[in-house]
Amino acid sequence: PKLSPGNTGSYTSTTNNPSSSSSSVTIPQRIHQMAASYVQVTSNFLYAIEVWDQAEQLTKEQKDFFAELDKVMTPLMFNSSSMTELVRFTRQGLHWLRLDANLIP
């Protein structure tokens, strides 16, 4: 199918099939935008899950560091931690890493 701008506020999808005549369907622009938005949100969500999985692997490799961080901060939960909690947790971890690397006097 080929998607092209149709009348104002719509898109036209055209299919050319050698065994039959071509046909087209008009898709309202609002529906097209909603579908595009859904694809973007889904893509972002899948990326977030991928990053979370990488973070879980890192926590397994560095158990002591993250166990201590969990004691000092609230442990992060994928479905319930707020962005504020994530930022605070990350800042504390980065602070410790900088101290360990002697980047902070």
C-alpha atoms as a PDB file:
ATOM      1  CA  PRO A   1       0.000   0.000   0.000  1.00  0.00           C
ATOM      2  CA  LYS A   2       1.093   3.543  -0.736  1.00  0.00           C
ATOM      3  CA  LEU A   3       0.072   6.366   1.604  1.00  0.00           C
ATOM      4  CA  SER A   4      -0.286   9.817   0.113  1.00  0.00           C
ATOM      5  CA  PRO A   5      -1.968  13.080   1.139  1.00  0.00           C
ATOM      6  CA  GLY A   6      -5.599  13.131   0.073  1.00  0.00           C
ATOM      7  CA  ASN A   7      -8.162  15.877   0.546  1.00  0.00           C
ATOM      8  CA  THR A   8      -7.623  18.364   3.348  1.00  0.00           C
ATOM      9  CA  GLY A   9      -7.362  16.505   6.637  1.00  0.00           C
ATOM     10  CA  SER A  10      -6.969  13.006   5.180  1.00  0.00           C
ATOM     11  CA  TYR A  11      -4.537  10.535   3.646  1.00  0.00           C
ATOM     12  CA  THR A  12      -5.244   8.113   0.834  1.00  0.00           C
ATOM     13  CA  SER A  13      -3.889   4.588   0.850  1.00  0.00           C
ATOM     14  CA  THR A  14      -3.567   3.064  -2.629  1.00  0.00           C
ATOM     15  CA  THR A  15      -2.870  -0.580  -3.389  1.00  0.00           C
ATOM     16  CA  ASN A  16      -1.734  -1.718  -6.802  1.00  0.00           C
ATOM     17  CA  ASN A  17      -2.221  -5.427  -7.261  1.00  0.00           C
ATOM     18  CA  PRO A  18      -1.326  -6.860 -10.705  1.00  0.00           C
ATOM     19  CA  SER A  19      -4.053  -9.511 -10.451  1.00  0.00           C
ATOM     20  CA  SER A  20      -6.816  -6.998  -9.727  1.00  0.00           C
ATOM     21  CA  SER A  21      -7.639  -3.358 -10.210  1.00  0.00           C
ATOM     22  CA  SER A  22      -6.116  -0.758  -7.903  1.00  0.00           C
ATOM     23  CA  SER A  23      -8.128   0.422  -4.933  1.00  0.00           C
ATOM     24  CA  SER A  24      -7.804   3.226  -2.416  1.00  0.00           C
ATOM     25  CA  VAL A  25      -9.041   4.010   1.071  1.00  0.00           C
ATOM     26  CA  THR A  26      -9.153   7.484   2.566  1.00  0.00           C
ATOM     27  CA  ILE A  27      -7.826   7.679   6.132  1.00  0.00           C
ATOM     28  CA  PRO A  28      -8.749  10.776   8.163  1.00  0.00           C
ATOM     29  CA  GLN A  29      -5.667  12.770   9.170  1.00  0.00           C
ATOM     30  CA  ARG A  30      -6.639  12.548  12.841  1.00  0.00           C
ATOM     31  CA  ILE A  31      -6.624   8.735  12.671  1.00  0.00           C
ATOM     32  CA  HIS A  32      -3.284   8.786  10.841  1.00  0.00           C
ATOM     33  CA  GLN A  33      -1.792  11.083  13.507  1.00  0.00           C
ATOM     34  CA  MET A  34      -3.144   8.912  16.317  1.00  0.00           C
ATOM     35  CA  ALA A  35      -1.649   5.800  14.731  1.00  0.00           C
ATOM     36  CA  ALA A  36       1.708   7.544  14.259  1.00  0.00           C
ATOM     37  CA  SER A  37       1.601   8.705  17.883  1.00  0.00           C
ATOM     38  CA  TYR A  38       0.810   5.158  19.029  1.00  0.00           C
ATOM     39  CA  VAL A  39       3.788   3.796  17.067  1.00  0.00           C
ATOM     40  CA  GLN A  40       6.074   6.420  18.678  1.00  0.00           C
ATOM     41  CA  VAL A  41       4.826   5.716  22.199  1.00  0.00           C
ATOM     42  CA  THR A  42       5.187   1.973  21.661  1.00  0.00           C
ATOM     43  CA  SER A  43       8.710   2.459  20.329  1.00  0.00           C
ATOM     44  CA  ASN A  44       9.648   4.563  23.376  1.00  0.00           C
ATOM     45  CA  PHE A  45       8.164   1.971  25.723  1.00  0.00           C
ATOM     46  CA  LEU A  46      10.088  -0.875  24.081  1.00  0.00           C
ATOM     47  CA  TYR A  47      13.301   1.168  24.311  1.00  0.00           C
ATOM     48  CA  ALA A  48      12.624   1.834  28.012  1.00  0.00           C
ATOM     49  CA  ILE A  49      12.212  -1.894  28.657  1.00  0.00           C
ATOM     50  CA  GLU A  50      15.492  -2.573  26.829  1.00  0.00           C
ATOM     51  CA  VAL A  51      17.339   0.018  28.940  1.00  0.00           C
ATOM     52  CA  TRP A  52      15.732  -1.350  32.123  1.00  0.00           C
ATOM     53  CA  ASP A  53      16.912  -4.874  31.203  1.00  0.00           C
ATOM     54  CA  GLN A  54      20.452  -3.547  30.705  1.00  0.00           C
ATOM     55  CA  ALA A  55      20.264  -1.849  34.106  1.00  0.00           C
ATOM     56  CA  GLU A  56      19.108  -5.077  35.758  1.00  0.00           C
ATOM     57  CA  GLN A  57      22.092  -6.899  34.246  1.00  0.00           C
ATOM     58  CA  LEU A  58      24.416  -4.201  35.596  1.00  0.00           C
ATOM     59  CA  THR A  59      22.927  -4.543  39.077  1.00  0.00           C
ATOM     60  CA  LYS A  60      23.676  -8.276  38.974  1.00  0.00           C
ATOM     61  CA  GLU A  61      27.284  -7.558  38.025  1.00  0.00           C
ATOM     62  CA  GLN A  62      27.718  -4.859  40.711  1.00  0.00           C
ATOM     63  CA  LYS A  63      25.594  -6.264  43.568  1.00  0.00           C
ATOM     64  CA  ASP A  64      27.447  -4.608  46.457  1.00  0.00           C
ATOM     65  CA  PHE A  65      27.282  -1.104  44.975  1.00  0.00           C
ATOM     66  CA  PHE A  66      23.562  -1.304  44.226  1.00  0.00           C
ATOM     67  CA  ALA A  67      22.718  -3.034  47.514  1.00  0.00           C
ATOM     68  CA  GLU A  68      24.340  -0.133  49.372  1.00  0.00           C
ATOM     69  CA  LEU A  69      22.569   2.374  47.114  1.00  0.00           C
ATOM     70  CA  ASP A  70      19.234   0.636  47.792  1.00  0.00           C
ATOM     71  CA  LYS A  71      19.889   0.939  51.566  1.00  0.00           C
ATOM     72  CA  VAL A  72      20.535   4.674  51.336  1.00  0.00           C
ATOM     73  CA  MET A  73      17.887   5.457  48.719  1.00  0.00           C
ATOM     74  CA  THR A  74      14.489   3.923  47.990  1.00  0.00           C
ATOM     75  CA  PRO A  75      14.961   0.875  45.719  1.00  0.00           C
ATOM     76  CA  LEU A  76      13.650   1.574  42.220  1.00  0.00           C
ATOM     77  CA  MET A  77      10.659  -0.346  40.873  1.00  0.00           C
ATOM     78  CA  PHE A  78       9.897  -0.403  37.136  1.00  0.00           C
ATOM     79  CA  ASN A  79       6.140   0.116  37.452  1.00  0.00           C
ATOM     80  CA  SER A  80       5.964   2.365  40.497  1.00  0.00           C
ATOM     81  CA  SER A  81       9.069   4.539  40.940  1.00  0.00           C
ATOM     82  CA  SER A  82       8.626   8.195  40.126  1.00  0.00           C
ATOM     83  CA  MET A  83      10.919  10.206  37.893  1.00  0.00           C
ATOM     84  CA  THR A  84      12.006  12.164  40.985  1.00  0.00           C
ATOM     85  CA  GLU A  85      13.053   8.932  42.713  1.00  0.00           C
ATOM     86  CA  LEU A  86      14.955   7.854  39.595  1.00  0.00           C
ATOM     87  CA  VAL A  87      16.817  11.171  39.419  1.00  0.00           C
ATOM     88  CA  ARG A  88      17.716  11.110  43.137  1.00  0.00           C
ATOM     89  CA  PHE A  89      18.879   7.488  42.928  1.00  0.00           C
ATOM     90  CA  THR A  90      20.988   8.258  39.842  1.00  0.00           C
ATOM     91  CA  ARG A  91      22.500  11.395  41.373  1.00  0.00           C
ATOM     92  CA  GLN A  92      23.509   9.535  44.523  1.00  0.00           C
ATOM     93  CA  GLY A  93      25.078   6.718  42.497  1.00  0.00           C
ATOM     94  CA  LEU A  94      26.977   9.176  40.300  1.00  0.00           C
ATOM     95  CA  HIS A  95      28.158  11.066  43.382  1.00  0.00           C
ATOM     96  CA  TRP A  96      29.623   7.864  44.826  1.00  0.00           C
ATOM     97  CA  LEU A  97      31.274   6.995  41.519  1.00  0.00           C
ATOM     98  CA  ARG A  98      32.861  10.455  41.335  1.00  0.00           C
ATOM     99  CA  LEU A  99      34.115  10.123  44.908  1.00  0.00           C
ATOM    100  CA  ASP A 100      35.557   6.700  44.123  1.00  0.00           C
ATOM    101  CA  ALA A 101      37.301   8.065  41.020  1.00  0.00           C
ATOM    102  CA  ASN A 102      38.643  11.024  43.058  1.00  0.00           C
ATOM    103  CA  LEU A 103      36.811  13.479  40.840  1.00  0.00           C
ATOM    104  CA  ILE A 104      35.423  15.296  43.893  1.00  0.00           C
ATOM    105  CA  PRO A 105      37.957  16.779  46.354  1.00  0.00           C
END
